């Protein structure tokens, strides 16, 4: 292990001692020690929140050993490196890649130890707050590239478009010359989604999505559906799909069961594909492609996260409650080290 100076090996970490809502979260002092072989210790500046964490917090992924940590992504500065780590050094600005078990590698803390092969060095002109807000959302929206092979002129229906992933999908669609069609439940977010780059915004409480999409596409339908809802929603979207179109389902807002009408799927040769972005970060080759795709686009500003609101680490309960309220447009970020976040 190498380090520029001796630092304390404790952290202020967010933990929970039982399943529940945001109210069970506590900020507690813990010992984390020194990084082992192929690990690094990171002074965490900021943490991006994700809905998958609330499912985990409520016990949706099965039993955990209490007290359990939480958090799926973070950005900060390297404090120390373990043996065998050659691509990172003390003082590097970095972001951690999502996909590891939160019980063992929860990122919601002011200091963490993390496997070095899941840590990406950042150019100094990418802010740590924006870095913490980027990789999970763009990694999920990267399914448009990895799975759908998005092309110029493609119409892309993006459900729950005011979410951080939805906004990331709008940006990626625009970056590829595609035409993003956003859906939102009420008109409250319509104007903002248009300002964020949606070519069309459909308000599902008052408009029929399939009818609107067919009208926008001259009756051809959208080649790609990027769906955060699932449940019965996909059946309602099926008439909006172009022949040989693909529906990528990455969320469970509509429930854990999904129904699709088989006859239209067969007649139009449609595809429905489940998508979890963890599959990319779990494989070294795909992980490298993701970094190669995202890092230059984040550095250039072609992709830039929309930050809905920031919270202090001590206000983490309020941060998760705000996420559950569905008021936000974009990403919620917890600032764990204001002195580093800038």
C-alpha atoms as a PDB file:
ATOM      1  CA  UNK A   1       0.000   0.000   0.000  1.00  0.00           C
ATOM      2  CA  UNK A   2       1.223   3.473  -0.851  1.00  0.00           C
ATOM      3  CA  UNK A   3      -0.131   6.765   0.390  1.00  0.00           C
ATOM      4  CA  UNK A   4       1.003  10.366   0.449  1.00  0.00           C
ATOM      5  CA  UNK A   5       0.330  10.634   4.191  1.00  0.00           C
ATOM      6  CA  UNK A   6      -1.057   8.669   7.093  1.00  0.00           C
ATOM      7  CA  UNK A   7      -4.826   9.084   7.362  1.00  0.00           C
ATOM      8  CA  UNK A   8      -7.342   7.766   9.819  1.00  0.00           C
ATOM      9  CA  UNK A   9      -9.061   4.589   8.731  1.00  0.00           C
ATOM     10  CA  UNK A  10     -12.558   5.322   9.923  1.00  0.00           C
ATOM     11  CA  UNK A  11     -15.530   6.512   7.933  1.00  0.00           C
ATOM     12  CA  UNK A  12     -18.971   8.007   8.387  1.00  0.00           C
ATOM     13  CA  UNK A  13     -21.167   5.506   6.600  1.00  0.00           C
ATOM     14  CA  UNK A  14     -24.895   5.244   5.996  1.00  0.00           C
ATOM     15  CA  UNK A  15     -26.197   1.947   7.417  1.00  0.00           C
ATOM     16  CA  UNK A  16     -29.474   0.334   8.363  1.00  0.00           C
ATOM     17  CA  UNK A  17     -30.231  -2.260  11.056  1.00  0.00           C
ATOM     18  CA  UNK A  18     -33.578  -3.434   9.693  1.00  0.00           C
ATOM     19  CA  UNK A  19     -35.501  -3.275   6.442  1.00  0.00           C
ATOM     20  CA  UNK A  20     -37.811  -0.348   5.847  1.00  0.00           C
ATOM     21  CA  UNK A  21     -38.097   3.067   4.272  1.00  0.00           C
ATOM     22  CA  UNK A  22     -35.652   5.972   4.392  1.00  0.00           C
ATOM     23  CA  UNK A  23     -36.394   6.445   8.095  1.00  0.00           C
ATOM     24  CA  UNK A  24     -34.295   3.368   9.017  1.00  0.00           C
ATOM     25  CA  UNK A  25     -31.079   4.891   7.634  1.00  0.00           C
ATOM     26  CA  UNK A  26     -28.413   6.048  10.067  1.00  0.00           C
ATOM     27  CA  UNK A  27     -25.060   7.800   9.632  1.00  0.00           C
ATOM     28  CA  UNK A  28     -22.594   5.872  11.786  1.00  0.00           C
ATOM     29  CA  UNK A  29     -18.863   5.863  12.425  1.00  0.00           C
ATOM     30  CA  UNK A  30     -17.194   2.638  11.288  1.00  0.00           C
ATOM     31  CA  UNK A  31     -13.649   1.327  10.887  1.00  0.00           C
ATOM     32  CA  UNK A  32     -12.653   0.445   7.327  1.00  0.00           C
ATOM     33  CA  UNK A  33      -8.930  -0.222   7.620  1.00  0.00           C
ATOM     34  CA  UNK A  34      -6.436  -0.152   4.784  1.00  0.00           C
ATOM     35  CA  UNK A  35      -6.967  -1.282   1.182  1.00  0.00           C
ATOM     36  CA  UNK A  36      -5.967  -4.856   0.488  1.00  0.00           C
ATOM     37  CA  UNK A  37      -4.422  -6.234  -2.702  1.00  0.00           C
ATOM     38  CA  UNK A  38      -6.099  -4.816  -5.817  1.00  0.00           C
ATOM     39  CA  UNK A  39      -8.155  -2.371  -3.740  1.00  0.00           C
ATOM     40  CA  UNK A  40      -8.126   1.388  -3.210  1.00  0.00           C
ATOM     41  CA  UNK A  41      -9.365   3.653  -0.463  1.00  0.00           C
ATOM     42  CA  UNK A  42     -11.353   6.653  -1.666  1.00  0.00           C
ATOM     43  CA  UNK A  43     -12.292   9.874   0.104  1.00  0.00           C
ATOM     44  CA  UNK A  44     -15.847  10.143  -1.207  1.00  0.00           C
ATOM     45  CA  UNK A  45     -16.962  13.588  -2.312  1.00  0.00           C
ATOM     46  CA  UNK A  46     -20.437  12.752  -3.599  1.00  0.00           C
ATOM     47  CA  UNK A  47     -22.872   9.862  -4.012  1.00  0.00           C
ATOM     48  CA  UNK A  48     -25.552   9.508  -6.677  1.00  0.00           C
ATOM     49  CA  UNK A  49     -28.833   7.956  -5.489  1.00  0.00           C
ATOM     50  CA  UNK A  50     -30.659   5.243  -7.436  1.00  0.00           C
ATOM     51  CA  UNK A  51     -34.047   3.607  -7.098  1.00  0.00           C
ATOM     52  CA  UNK A  52     -32.493   0.163  -6.929  1.00  0.00           C
ATOM     53  CA  UNK A  53     -31.247   1.178  -3.477  1.00  0.00           C
ATOM     54  CA  UNK A  54     -34.774   1.611  -2.138  1.00  0.00           C
ATOM     55  CA  UNK A  55     -35.674  -1.897  -3.315  1.00  0.00           C
ATOM     56  CA  UNK A  56     -32.603  -3.221  -1.495  1.00  0.00           C
ATOM     57  CA  UNK A  57     -33.443  -1.157   1.609  1.00  0.00           C
ATOM     58  CA  UNK A  58     -36.918  -2.686   1.724  1.00  0.00           C
ATOM     59  CA  UNK A  59     -35.580  -6.245   1.481  1.00  0.00           C
ATOM     60  CA  UNK A  60     -36.388  -6.747  -2.176  1.00  0.00           C
ATOM     61  CA  UNK A  61     -33.086  -8.527  -2.859  1.00  0.00           C
ATOM     62  CA  UNK A  62     -33.371 -10.960   0.014  1.00  0.00           C
ATOM     63  CA  UNK A  63     -31.732 -11.166   3.439  1.00  0.00           C
ATOM     64  CA  UNK A  64     -28.632  -9.176   4.358  1.00  0.00           C
ATOM     65  CA  UNK A  65     -26.346  -9.174   7.369  1.00  0.00           C
ATOM     66  CA  UNK A  66     -27.210  -6.208   9.581  1.00  0.00           C
ATOM     67  CA  UNK A  67     -26.042  -3.546  10.001  1.00  0.00           C
ATOM     68  CA  UNK A  68     -25.859  -3.174   6.219  1.00  0.00           C
ATOM     69  CA  UNK A  69     -24.378  -0.437   4.076  1.00  0.00           C
ATOM     70  CA  UNK A  70     -26.090   1.098   1.058  1.00  0.00           C
ATOM     71  CA  UNK A  71     -25.127   2.996  -2.084  1.00  0.00           C
ATOM     72  CA  UNK A  72     -24.326   2.042  -5.667  1.00  0.00           C
ATOM     73  CA  UNK A  73     -22.137   4.816  -7.057  1.00  0.00           C
ATOM     74  CA  UNK A  74     -19.788   7.536  -5.858  1.00  0.00           C
ATOM     75  CA  UNK A  75     -16.969   9.832  -6.894  1.00  0.00           C
ATOM     76  CA  UNK A  76     -14.012  11.077  -4.922  1.00  0.00           C
ATOM     77  CA  UNK A  77     -10.239  11.169  -4.550  1.00  0.00           C
ATOM     78  CA  UNK A  78      -7.848   8.259  -4.036  1.00  0.00           C
ATOM     79  CA  UNK A  79      -6.327   8.233  -0.543  1.00  0.00           C
ATOM     80  CA  UNK A  80      -4.408   4.964  -0.704  1.00  0.00           C
ATOM     81  CA  UNK A  81      -3.820   2.037  -3.040  1.00  0.00           C
ATOM     82  CA  UNK A  82      -3.245  -1.611  -2.244  1.00  0.00           C
ATOM     83  CA  UNK A  83      -0.604  -3.876  -3.703  1.00  0.00           C
ATOM     84  CA  UNK A  84      -1.001  -4.741  -7.353  1.00  0.00           C
ATOM     85  CA  UNK A  85      -2.773  -1.492  -8.267  1.00  0.00           C
ATOM     86  CA  UNK A  86      -0.885   0.267 -11.040  1.00  0.00           C
ATOM     87  CA  UNK A  87      -3.467   2.355 -12.923  1.00  0.00           C
ATOM     88  CA  UNK A  88      -4.441   4.533  -9.953  1.00  0.00           C
ATOM     89  CA  UNK A  89      -2.448   6.668  -7.520  1.00  0.00           C
ATOM     90  CA  UNK A  90      -2.924   8.845  -4.463  1.00  0.00           C
ATOM     91  CA  UNK A  91      -4.707  12.071  -5.403  1.00  0.00           C
ATOM     92  CA  UNK A  92      -6.426  10.766  -8.541  1.00  0.00           C
ATOM     93  CA  UNK A  93      -9.998  11.935  -9.086  1.00  0.00           C
ATOM     94  CA  UNK A  94     -12.107   8.832  -9.635  1.00  0.00           C
ATOM     95  CA  UNK A  95     -15.573   7.402  -9.975  1.00  0.00           C
ATOM     96  CA  UNK A  96     -16.615   3.909  -8.912  1.00  0.00           C
ATOM     97  CA  UNK A  97     -18.620   1.737 -11.272  1.00  0.00           C
ATOM     98  CA  UNK A  98     -21.938   0.375 -10.057  1.00  0.00           C
ATOM     99  CA  UNK A  99     -22.832  -3.291  -9.940  1.00  0.00           C
ATOM    100  CA  UNK A 100     -21.233  -4.681  -6.775  1.00  0.00           C
ATOM    101  CA  UNK A 101     -23.189  -5.930  -3.763  1.00  0.00           C
ATOM    102  CA  UNK A 102     -24.188  -2.970  -1.597  1.00  0.00           C
ATOM    103  CA  UNK A 103     -23.968  -5.052   1.569  1.00  0.00           C
ATOM    104  CA  UNK A 104     -20.216  -5.407   0.990  1.00  0.00           C
ATOM    105  CA  UNK A 105     -19.404  -2.328  -1.105  1.00  0.00           C
ATOM    106  CA  UNK A 106     -22.010   0.278  -0.176  1.00  0.00           C
ATOM    107  CA  UNK A 107     -20.835   3.664  -1.409  1.00  0.00           C
ATOM    108  CA  UNK A 108     -22.927   5.978   0.766  1.00  0.00           C
ATOM    109  CA  UNK A 109     -20.133   7.125   3.089  1.00  0.00           C
ATOM    110  CA  UNK A 110     -17.375   9.709   3.271  1.00  0.00           C
ATOM    111  CA  UNK A 111     -14.690   7.055   2.814  1.00  0.00           C
ATOM    112  CA  UNK A 112     -14.819   3.611   1.170  1.00  0.00           C
ATOM    113  CA  UNK A 113     -12.584   0.757   0.096  1.00  0.00           C
ATOM    114  CA  UNK A 114     -13.361  -0.504  -3.403  1.00  0.00           C
ATOM    115  CA  UNK A 115     -11.950  -3.002  -5.933  1.00  0.00           C
ATOM    116  CA  UNK A 116      -9.549  -1.119  -8.176  1.00  0.00           C
ATOM    117  CA  UNK A 117     -10.810  -2.758 -11.369  1.00  0.00           C
ATOM    118  CA  UNK A 118     -14.181  -1.062 -10.796  1.00  0.00           C
ATOM    119  CA  UNK A 119     -12.662   2.397 -10.386  1.00  0.00           C
ATOM    120  CA  UNK A 120     -12.232   4.831 -13.298  1.00  0.00           C
ATOM    121  CA  UNK A 121      -9.779   7.723 -13.245  1.00  0.00           C
ATOM    122  CA  UNK A 122     -11.412  11.020 -14.184  1.00  0.00           C
ATOM    123  CA  UNK A 123     -10.065  14.034 -16.026  1.00  0.00           C
ATOM    124  CA  UNK A 124      -9.863  16.948 -13.579  1.00  0.00           C
ATOM    125  CA  UNK A 125     -12.351  19.012 -15.598  1.00  0.00           C
ATOM    126  CA  UNK A 126     -15.214  16.608 -14.770  1.00  0.00           C
ATOM    127  CA  UNK A 127     -16.674  17.687 -11.434  1.00  0.00           C
ATOM    128  CA  UNK A 128     -16.969  15.019  -8.771  1.00  0.00           C
ATOM    129  CA  UNK A 129     -20.642  15.873  -8.231  1.00  0.00           C
ATOM    130  CA  UNK A 130     -21.427  15.339 -11.907  1.00  0.00           C
ATOM    131  CA  UNK A 131     -19.311  12.182 -11.983  1.00  0.00           C
ATOM    132  CA  UNK A 132     -21.258  10.749  -9.037  1.00  0.00           C
ATOM    133  CA  UNK A 133     -24.481  11.535 -10.889  1.00  0.00           C
ATOM    134  CA  UNK A 134     -23.540   9.953 -14.213  1.00  0.00           C
ATOM    135  CA  UNK A 135     -22.432   6.367 -14.450  1.00  0.00           C
ATOM    136  CA  UNK A 136     -25.472   4.413 -13.301  1.00  0.00           C
ATOM    137  CA  UNK A 137     -27.912   6.504 -15.324  1.00  0.00           C
ATOM    138  CA  UNK A 138     -25.844   6.646 -18.493  1.00  0.00           C
ATOM    139  CA  UNK A 139     -24.780   3.023 -18.026  1.00  0.00           C
ATOM    140  CA  UNK A 140     -28.455   2.061 -18.000  1.00  0.00           C
ATOM    141  CA  UNK A 141     -29.335   4.273 -20.972  1.00  0.00           C
ATOM    142  CA  UNK A 142     -26.309   2.758 -22.733  1.00  0.00           C
ATOM    143  CA  UNK A 143     -28.654  -0.155 -23.445  1.00  0.00           C
ATOM    144  CA  UNK A 144     -29.829   1.950 -26.380  1.00  0.00           C
ATOM    145  CA  UNK A 145     -26.338   1.482 -27.836  1.00  0.00           C
ATOM    146  CA  UNK A 146     -25.374  -1.940 -26.507  1.00  0.00           C
ATOM    147  CA  UNK A 147     -28.691  -3.692 -27.143  1.00  0.00           C
ATOM    148  CA  UNK A 148     -30.761  -1.611 -29.580  1.00  0.00           C
ATOM    149  CA  UNK A 149     -27.905  -0.351 -31.799  1.00  0.00           C
ATOM    150  CA  UNK A 150     -29.567   3.057 -31.948  1.00  0.00           C
ATOM    151  CA  UNK A 151     -29.287   4.745 -35.347  1.00  0.00           C
ATOM    152  CA  UNK A 152     -29.906   8.228 -36.794  1.00  0.00           C
ATOM    153  CA  UNK A 153     -33.590   8.756 -37.449  1.00  0.00           C
ATOM    154  CA  UNK A 154     -34.780   6.081 -35.006  1.00  0.00           C
ATOM    155  CA  UNK A 155     -37.860   7.059 -33.035  1.00  0.00           C
ATOM    156  CA  UNK A 156     -37.308   6.138 -29.379  1.00  0.00           C
ATOM    157  CA  UNK A 157     -40.148   6.134 -26.850  1.00  0.00           C
ATOM    158  CA  UNK A 158     -38.746   6.799 -23.361  1.00  0.00           C
ATOM    159  CA  UNK A 159     -41.139   6.153 -20.486  1.00  0.00           C
ATOM    160  CA  UNK A 160     -40.787   7.798 -17.045  1.00  0.00           C
ATOM    161  CA  UNK A 161     -38.646  10.287 -18.904  1.00  0.00           C
ATOM    162  CA  UNK A 162     -38.138  12.709 -16.007  1.00  0.00           C
ATOM    163  CA  UNK A 163     -36.057  10.145 -14.140  1.00  0.00           C
ATOM    164  CA  UNK A 164     -32.274  10.422 -14.286  1.00  0.00           C
ATOM    165  CA  UNK A 165     -32.143   7.426 -16.646  1.00  0.00           C
ATOM    166  CA  UNK A 166     -34.909   8.878 -18.784  1.00  0.00           C
ATOM    167  CA  UNK A 167     -33.025  12.147 -19.213  1.00  0.00           C
ATOM    168  CA  UNK A 168     -29.831  10.205 -19.969  1.00  0.00           C
ATOM    169  CA  UNK A 169     -31.722   8.271 -22.645  1.00  0.00           C
ATOM    170  CA  UNK A 170     -32.976  11.519 -24.188  1.00  0.00           C
ATOM    171  CA  UNK A 171     -29.403  12.810 -24.374  1.00  0.00           C
ATOM    172  CA  UNK A 172     -28.004   9.587 -25.840  1.00  0.00           C
ATOM    173  CA  UNK A 173     -30.789   9.476 -28.434  1.00  0.00           C
ATOM    174  CA  UNK A 174     -30.015  13.034 -29.487  1.00  0.00           C
ATOM    175  CA  UNK A 175     -26.282  12.317 -29.573  1.00  0.00           C
ATOM    176  CA  UNK A 176     -26.944   9.545 -32.099  1.00  0.00           C
ATOM    177  CA  UNK A 177     -29.299  11.594 -34.259  1.00  0.00           C
ATOM    178  CA  UNK A 178     -32.370   9.664 -33.089  1.00  0.00           C
ATOM    179  CA  UNK A 179     -35.732  11.197 -32.158  1.00  0.00           C
ATOM    180  CA  UNK A 180     -36.583  10.902 -28.437  1.00  0.00           C
ATOM    181  CA  UNK A 181     -40.280  10.749 -27.548  1.00  0.00           C
ATOM    182  CA  UNK A 182     -40.698  11.247 -23.804  1.00  0.00           C
ATOM    183  CA  UNK A 183     -43.675  10.143 -21.747  1.00  0.00           C
ATOM    184  CA  UNK A 184     -44.657  11.602 -18.398  1.00  0.00           C
ATOM    185  CA  UNK A 185     -47.720  11.011 -16.255  1.00  0.00           C
ATOM    186  CA  UNK A 186     -48.844  14.626 -15.793  1.00  0.00           C
ATOM    187  CA  UNK A 187     -48.274  17.903 -17.580  1.00  0.00           C
ATOM    188  CA  UNK A 188     -46.205  19.293 -14.678  1.00  0.00           C
ATOM    189  CA  UNK A 189     -42.932  18.116 -16.219  1.00  0.00           C
ATOM    190  CA  UNK A 190     -43.796  18.447 -19.908  1.00  0.00           C
ATOM    191  CA  UNK A 191     -42.161  21.820 -20.564  1.00  0.00           C
ATOM    192  CA  UNK A 192     -38.999  20.869 -18.696  1.00  0.00           C
ATOM    193  CA  UNK A 193     -38.612  17.606 -20.639  1.00  0.00           C
ATOM    194  CA  UNK A 194     -38.892  19.497 -23.904  1.00  0.00           C
ATOM    195  CA  UNK A 195     -36.202  21.893 -22.702  1.00  0.00           C
ATOM    196  CA  UNK A 196     -33.997  18.909 -21.833  1.00  0.00           C
ATOM    197  CA  UNK A 197     -34.106  17.667 -25.402  1.00  0.00           C
ATOM    198  CA  UNK A 198     -37.222  15.561 -25.910  1.00  0.00           C
ATOM    199  CA  UNK A 199     -38.453  15.999 -29.490  1.00  0.00           C
ATOM    200  CA  UNK A 200     -41.996  15.187 -28.343  1.00  0.00           C
ATOM    201  CA  UNK A 201     -43.549  14.820 -24.883  1.00  0.00           C
ATOM    202  CA  UNK A 202     -46.666  12.714 -24.317  1.00  0.00           C
ATOM    203  CA  UNK A 203     -48.696  13.218 -21.126  1.00  0.00           C
ATOM    204  CA  UNK A 204     -50.062   9.768 -20.389  1.00  0.00           C
ATOM    205  CA  UNK A 205     -52.886  10.922 -18.094  1.00  0.00           C
ATOM    206  CA  UNK A 206     -54.602  12.715 -20.976  1.00  0.00           C
ATOM    207  CA  UNK A 207     -53.092  11.302 -24.177  1.00  0.00           C
ATOM    208  CA  UNK A 208     -53.008   7.831 -25.702  1.00  0.00           C
ATOM    209  CA  UNK A 209     -49.338   6.963 -26.162  1.00  0.00           C
ATOM    210  CA  UNK A 210     -49.802   4.583 -29.084  1.00  0.00           C
ATOM    211  CA  UNK A 211     -52.033   6.992 -30.980  1.00  0.00           C
ATOM    212  CA  UNK A 212     -49.617   9.878 -30.437  1.00  0.00           C
ATOM    213  CA  UNK A 213     -46.557   7.867 -31.468  1.00  0.00           C
ATOM    214  CA  UNK A 214     -48.226   6.584 -34.625  1.00  0.00           C
ATOM    215  CA  UNK A 215     -49.251  10.132 -35.520  1.00  0.00           C
ATOM    216  CA  UNK A 216     -45.690  11.384 -34.994  1.00  0.00           C
ATOM    217  CA  UNK A 217     -44.174   8.608 -37.081  1.00  0.00           C
ATOM    218  CA  UNK A 218     -46.603   8.648 -39.993  1.00  0.00           C
ATOM    219  CA  UNK A 219     -48.102   5.362 -38.854  1.00  0.00           C
ATOM    220  CA  UNK A 220     -44.796   3.468 -38.816  1.00  0.00           C
ATOM    221  CA  UNK A 221     -44.303   3.381 -35.055  1.00  0.00           C
ATOM    222  CA  UNK A 222     -41.137   3.644 -32.977  1.00  0.00           C
ATOM    223  CA  UNK A 223     -38.283   1.212 -33.519  1.00  0.00           C
ATOM    224  CA  UNK A 224     -37.201   1.389 -29.870  1.00  0.00           C
ATOM    225  CA  UNK A 225     -39.188   1.474 -26.652  1.00  0.00           C
ATOM    226  CA  UNK A 226     -37.050   2.206 -23.576  1.00  0.00           C
ATOM    227  CA  UNK A 227     -39.329   1.317 -20.720  1.00  0.00           C
ATOM    228  CA  UNK A 228     -38.920   1.899 -16.992  1.00  0.00           C
ATOM    229  CA  UNK A 229     -42.431   0.804 -16.108  1.00  0.00           C
ATOM    230  CA  UNK A 230     -43.133  -2.758 -17.264  1.00  0.00           C
ATOM    231  CA  UNK A 231     -46.304  -4.325 -15.876  1.00  0.00           C
ATOM    232  CA  UNK A 232     -49.344  -3.825 -18.124  1.00  0.00           C
ATOM    233  CA  UNK A 233     -47.719  -0.740 -19.656  1.00  0.00           C
ATOM    234  CA  UNK A 234     -45.882  -2.652 -22.367  1.00  0.00           C
ATOM    235  CA  UNK A 235     -49.104  -4.089 -23.743  1.00  0.00           C
ATOM    236  CA  UNK A 236     -50.367  -0.535 -24.159  1.00  0.00           C
ATOM    237  CA  UNK A 237     -47.171   0.440 -25.965  1.00  0.00           C
ATOM    238  CA  UNK A 238     -47.132  -2.528 -28.353  1.00  0.00           C
ATOM    239  CA  UNK A 239     -49.310  -0.825 -31.021  1.00  0.00           C
ATOM    240  CA  UNK A 240     -46.763   2.030 -31.054  1.00  0.00           C
ATOM    241  CA  UNK A 241     -43.892  -0.235 -32.121  1.00  0.00           C
ATOM    242  CA  UNK A 242     -42.512  -0.371 -35.642  1.00  0.00           C
ATOM    243  CA  UNK A 243     -42.078  -3.690 -37.422  1.00  0.00           C
ATOM    244  CA  UNK A 244     -39.057  -5.549 -36.051  1.00  0.00           C
ATOM    245  CA  UNK A 245     -38.897  -3.039 -33.233  1.00  0.00           C
ATOM    246  CA  UNK A 246     -37.408  -3.716 -29.818  1.00  0.00           C
ATOM    247  CA  UNK A 247     -38.729  -2.931 -26.346  1.00  0.00           C
ATOM    248  CA  UNK A 248     -36.052  -2.715 -23.653  1.00  0.00           C
ATOM    249  CA  UNK A 249     -37.555  -3.046 -20.176  1.00  0.00           C
ATOM    250  CA  UNK A 250     -35.258  -1.889 -17.379  1.00  0.00           C
ATOM    251  CA  UNK A 251     -37.629  -0.888 -14.555  1.00  0.00           C
ATOM    252  CA  UNK A 252     -40.432  -2.164 -12.361  1.00  0.00           C
ATOM    253  CA  UNK A 253     -42.560   0.920 -11.732  1.00  0.00           C
ATOM    254  CA  UNK A 254     -45.619  -0.944 -13.039  1.00  0.00           C
ATOM    255  CA  UNK A 255     -45.070  -4.095 -10.973  1.00  0.00           C
ATOM    256  CA  UNK A 256     -43.071  -7.300 -11.174  1.00  0.00           C
ATOM    257  CA  UNK A 257     -45.311  -9.086 -13.698  1.00  0.00           C
ATOM    258  CA  UNK A 258     -45.521  -8.175 -17.380  1.00  0.00           C
ATOM    259  CA  UNK A 259     -48.114  -9.071 -19.988  1.00  0.00           C
ATOM    260  CA  UNK A 260     -47.626  -8.677 -23.714  1.00  0.00           C
ATOM    261  CA  UNK A 261     -50.047  -9.539 -26.537  1.00  0.00           C
ATOM    262  CA  UNK A 262     -48.322 -12.361 -28.389  1.00  0.00           C
ATOM    263  CA  UNK A 263     -50.131 -12.061 -31.711  1.00  0.00           C
ATOM    264  CA  UNK A 264     -48.927  -8.494 -32.473  1.00  0.00           C
ATOM    265  CA  UNK A 265     -45.438  -9.429 -31.311  1.00  0.00           C
ATOM    266  CA  UNK A 266     -45.362 -12.389 -33.665  1.00  0.00           C
ATOM    267  CA  UNK A 267     -46.976 -10.616 -36.609  1.00  0.00           C
ATOM    268  CA  UNK A 268     -44.635  -7.616 -36.424  1.00  0.00           C
ATOM    269  CA  UNK A 269     -41.566  -9.663 -35.418  1.00  0.00           C
ATOM    270  CA  UNK A 270     -41.104  -7.602 -32.267  1.00  0.00           C
ATOM    271  CA  UNK A 271     -38.546  -8.192 -29.528  1.00  0.00           C
ATOM    272  CA  UNK A 272     -38.861  -7.559 -25.793  1.00  0.00           C
ATOM    273  CA  UNK A 273     -35.608  -7.518 -23.862  1.00  0.00           C
ATOM    274  CA  UNK A 274     -35.039  -7.270 -20.132  1.00  0.00           C
ATOM    275  CA  UNK A 275     -32.102  -5.029 -19.274  1.00  0.00           C
ATOM    276  CA  UNK A 276     -29.970  -4.658 -16.189  1.00  0.00           C
ATOM    277  CA  UNK A 277     -26.943  -2.419 -16.655  1.00  0.00           C
ATOM    278  CA  UNK A 278     -24.930  -4.570 -14.228  1.00  0.00           C
ATOM    279  CA  UNK A 279     -24.273  -6.997 -17.065  1.00  0.00           C
ATOM    280  CA  UNK A 280     -21.980  -4.402 -18.637  1.00  0.00           C
ATOM    281  CA  UNK A 281     -19.873  -3.640 -15.572  1.00  0.00           C
ATOM    282  CA  UNK A 282     -19.561  -7.339 -14.663  1.00  0.00           C
ATOM    283  CA  UNK A 283     -17.667  -8.158 -17.868  1.00  0.00           C
ATOM    284  CA  UNK A 284     -14.208  -6.577 -18.326  1.00  0.00           C
ATOM    285  CA  UNK A 285     -14.522  -6.186 -22.094  1.00  0.00           C
ATOM    286  CA  UNK A 286     -17.977  -4.635 -21.953  1.00  0.00           C
ATOM    287  CA  UNK A 287     -16.906  -2.502 -19.002  1.00  0.00           C
ATOM    288  CA  UNK A 288     -14.040  -1.131 -21.078  1.00  0.00           C
ATOM    289  CA  UNK A 289     -16.437  -0.319 -23.941  1.00  0.00           C
ATOM    290  CA  UNK A 290     -18.720   1.549 -21.545  1.00  0.00           C
ATOM    291  CA  UNK A 291     -15.843   3.648 -20.220  1.00  0.00           C
ATOM    292  CA  UNK A 292     -14.605   4.290 -23.767  1.00  0.00           C
ATOM    293  CA  UNK A 293     -18.099   5.411 -24.764  1.00  0.00           C
ATOM    294  CA  UNK A 294     -18.980   7.573 -21.764  1.00  0.00           C
ATOM    295  CA  UNK A 295     -15.796   9.201 -20.552  1.00  0.00           C
ATOM    296  CA  UNK A 296     -15.068  11.383 -23.613  1.00  0.00           C
ATOM    297  CA  UNK A 297     -18.725  12.360 -23.930  1.00  0.00           C
ATOM    298  CA  UNK A 298     -18.861  13.423 -20.285  1.00  0.00           C
ATOM    299  CA  UNK A 299     -15.601  15.318 -20.650  1.00  0.00           C
ATOM    300  CA  UNK A 300     -16.799  17.144 -23.762  1.00  0.00           C
ATOM    301  CA  UNK A 301     -20.183  17.945 -22.246  1.00  0.00           C
ATOM    302  CA  UNK A 302     -22.098  16.111 -24.973  1.00  0.00           C
ATOM    303  CA  UNK A 303     -23.628  14.146 -22.105  1.00  0.00           C
ATOM    304  CA  UNK A 304     -24.214  16.079 -18.900  1.00  0.00           C
ATOM    305  CA  UNK A 305     -26.317  14.941 -15.948  1.00  0.00           C
ATOM    306  CA  UNK A 306     -29.271  16.975 -14.783  1.00  0.00           C
ATOM    307  CA  UNK A 307     -28.900  17.426 -11.018  1.00  0.00           C
ATOM    308  CA  UNK A 308     -32.332  17.698  -9.413  1.00  0.00           C
ATOM    309  CA  UNK A 309     -31.137  18.452  -5.901  1.00  0.00           C
ATOM    310  CA  UNK A 310     -28.218  17.877  -3.524  1.00  0.00           C
ATOM    311  CA  UNK A 311     -28.299  16.875   0.146  1.00  0.00           C
ATOM    312  CA  UNK A 312     -25.712  16.661   2.910  1.00  0.00           C
ATOM    313  CA  UNK A 313     -24.699  13.219   4.170  1.00  0.00           C
ATOM    314  CA  UNK A 314     -26.429  13.905   7.487  1.00  0.00           C
ATOM    315  CA  UNK A 315     -29.648  14.533   5.525  1.00  0.00           C
ATOM    316  CA  UNK A 316     -29.552  11.201   3.693  1.00  0.00           C
ATOM    317  CA  UNK A 317     -32.968  10.185   5.045  1.00  0.00           C
ATOM    318  CA  UNK A 318     -34.517  13.274   3.471  1.00  0.00           C
ATOM    319  CA  UNK A 319     -32.630  12.579   0.230  1.00  0.00           C
ATOM    320  CA  UNK A 320     -34.109   9.106  -0.171  1.00  0.00           C
ATOM    321  CA  UNK A 321     -37.557  10.361   0.882  1.00  0.00           C
ATOM    322  CA  UNK A 322     -37.332  13.019  -1.817  1.00  0.00           C
ATOM    323  CA  UNK A 323     -36.493  10.343  -4.382  1.00  0.00           C
ATOM    324  CA  UNK A 324     -39.531   8.322  -3.304  1.00  0.00           C
ATOM    325  CA  UNK A 325     -41.745  11.412  -3.706  1.00  0.00           C
ATOM    326  CA  UNK A 326     -41.143  11.425  -7.502  1.00  0.00           C
ATOM    327  CA  UNK A 327     -40.955  15.208  -7.515  1.00  0.00           C
ATOM    328  CA  UNK A 328     -37.490  15.358  -9.009  1.00  0.00           C
ATOM    329  CA  UNK A 329     -36.410  15.825 -12.584  1.00  0.00           C
ATOM    330  CA  UNK A 330     -32.985  14.262 -12.899  1.00  0.00           C
ATOM    331  CA  UNK A 331     -30.494  12.957 -10.361  1.00  0.00           C
ATOM    332  CA  UNK A 332     -30.364  13.342  -6.590  1.00  0.00           C
ATOM    333  CA  UNK A 333     -26.855  13.639  -5.159  1.00  0.00           C
ATOM    334  CA  UNK A 334     -25.641  13.373  -1.561  1.00  0.00           C
ATOM    335  CA  UNK A 335     -22.562  15.473  -0.776  1.00  0.00           C
ATOM    336  CA  UNK A 336     -20.441  13.517   1.690  1.00  0.00           C
ATOM    337  CA  UNK A 337     -17.344  15.754   1.645  1.00  0.00           C
ATOM    338  CA  UNK A 338     -18.152  19.369   0.732  1.00  0.00           C
ATOM    339  CA  UNK A 339     -14.445  20.216   0.975  1.00  0.00           C
ATOM    340  CA  UNK A 340     -13.752  17.850  -1.915  1.00  0.00           C
ATOM    341  CA  UNK A 341     -16.934  18.266  -3.942  1.00  0.00           C
ATOM    342  CA  UNK A 342     -16.253  21.929  -4.635  1.00  0.00           C
END
